[in-house]
Protein backbone atom coordinates (compact mmCIF):
# COMPACT_ATOMS: atom_id res chain seq x y z
CA MET A 1 44.36 35.05 24.85
CA PRO A 2 47.54 37.10 24.82
CA ASP A 3 47.50 40.86 25.30
CA LEU A 4 47.14 42.82 22.06
CA THR A 5 48.82 46.10 21.21
CA LEU A 6 46.42 48.27 19.22
CA ILE A 7 46.73 51.71 17.63
CA CYS A 8 44.14 54.36 18.43
CA GLN A 9 42.31 55.64 15.33
CA ASN A 10 42.06 59.10 16.90
CA CYS A 11 45.46 59.93 18.40
CA THR A 12 47.51 57.10 16.77
CA ASN A 13 49.06 56.13 20.12
CA GLU A 14 49.53 52.47 20.96
CA PHE A 15 47.51 50.95 23.79
CA VAL A 16 47.30 47.47 25.30
CA PHE A 17 44.07 45.50 25.02
CA SER A 18 44.62 42.99 27.82
CA ALA A 19 43.44 39.39 27.86
CA GLY A 20 40.97 40.29 30.63
CA GLU A 21 39.56 43.16 28.59
CA GLN A 22 39.28 40.89 25.56
CA ALA A 23 37.31 38.34 27.57
CA PHE A 24 35.03 41.09 28.94
CA TYR A 25 34.38 42.53 25.47
CA ALA A 26 33.73 39.06 24.02
CA GLY A 27 31.33 38.24 26.87
CA LYS A 28 29.34 41.42 26.14
CA GLY A 29 29.43 40.86 22.37
CA LEU A 30 31.45 44.03 21.80
CA GLU A 31 33.97 44.64 19.03
CA THR A 32 37.66 45.33 19.62
CA PRO A 33 38.06 48.98 20.67
CA LYS A 34 39.25 51.40 18.02
CA TYR A 35 40.19 54.16 20.47
CA CYS A 36 42.61 54.21 23.39
CA PRO A 37 41.20 54.58 26.94
CA ILE A 38 42.02 58.31 27.02
CA CYS A 39 40.23 59.06 23.74
CA ARG A 40 37.27 56.88 24.83
CA ALA A 41 37.02 58.87 28.07
CA ILE A 42 37.12 62.17 26.17
CA LYS A 43 34.38 60.99 23.79
CA ALA A 44 32.25 59.82 26.73
CA GLN A 45 32.66 63.20 28.43
CA GLU A 46 31.68 65.01 25.22
CA ARG A 47 28.50 62.91 25.03
CA LYS A 48 27.61 63.89 28.61
CA ILE A 49 28.34 67.60 28.17
CA PRO A 50 27.95 68.61 24.52
CA ALA A 51 29.81 71.68 23.34
CA LYS A 52 27.72 74.85 23.41
CA PRO A 53 27.16 76.46 20.03
CA ILE A 54 29.01 79.72 19.60
CA LYS A 55 26.86 82.75 18.93
CA PRO A 56 27.88 84.35 15.63
CA ILE A 57 29.24 87.88 15.90
CA GLU A 58 27.33 90.44 13.89
CA ASN A 59 29.05 93.16 11.86
CA LYS A 60 27.91 95.83 14.35
CA GLU A 61 29.75 94.09 17.17
CA ILE A 62 32.92 93.73 15.09
CA THR A 63 32.85 97.45 14.25
CA GLN A 64 32.44 98.34 17.93
CA ILE A 65 35.30 96.06 18.94
CA ALA A 66 37.60 97.48 16.26
CA ASN A 67 36.97 101.11 17.29
């Protein structure tokens, strides 16, 4: 298998999907990646540490900040 140049669906950058990676993915029954290694790492990190919800600011707090 030759190396493939793919385009990330998230950042639209090109990345190389090497023959070794293709064999690994095929051996595990995985599909061709849709995201570059950087975007995959970011998504994995977000799954480990989800973003904390932001507490909404009440009108009282806005008035105090403005004064």
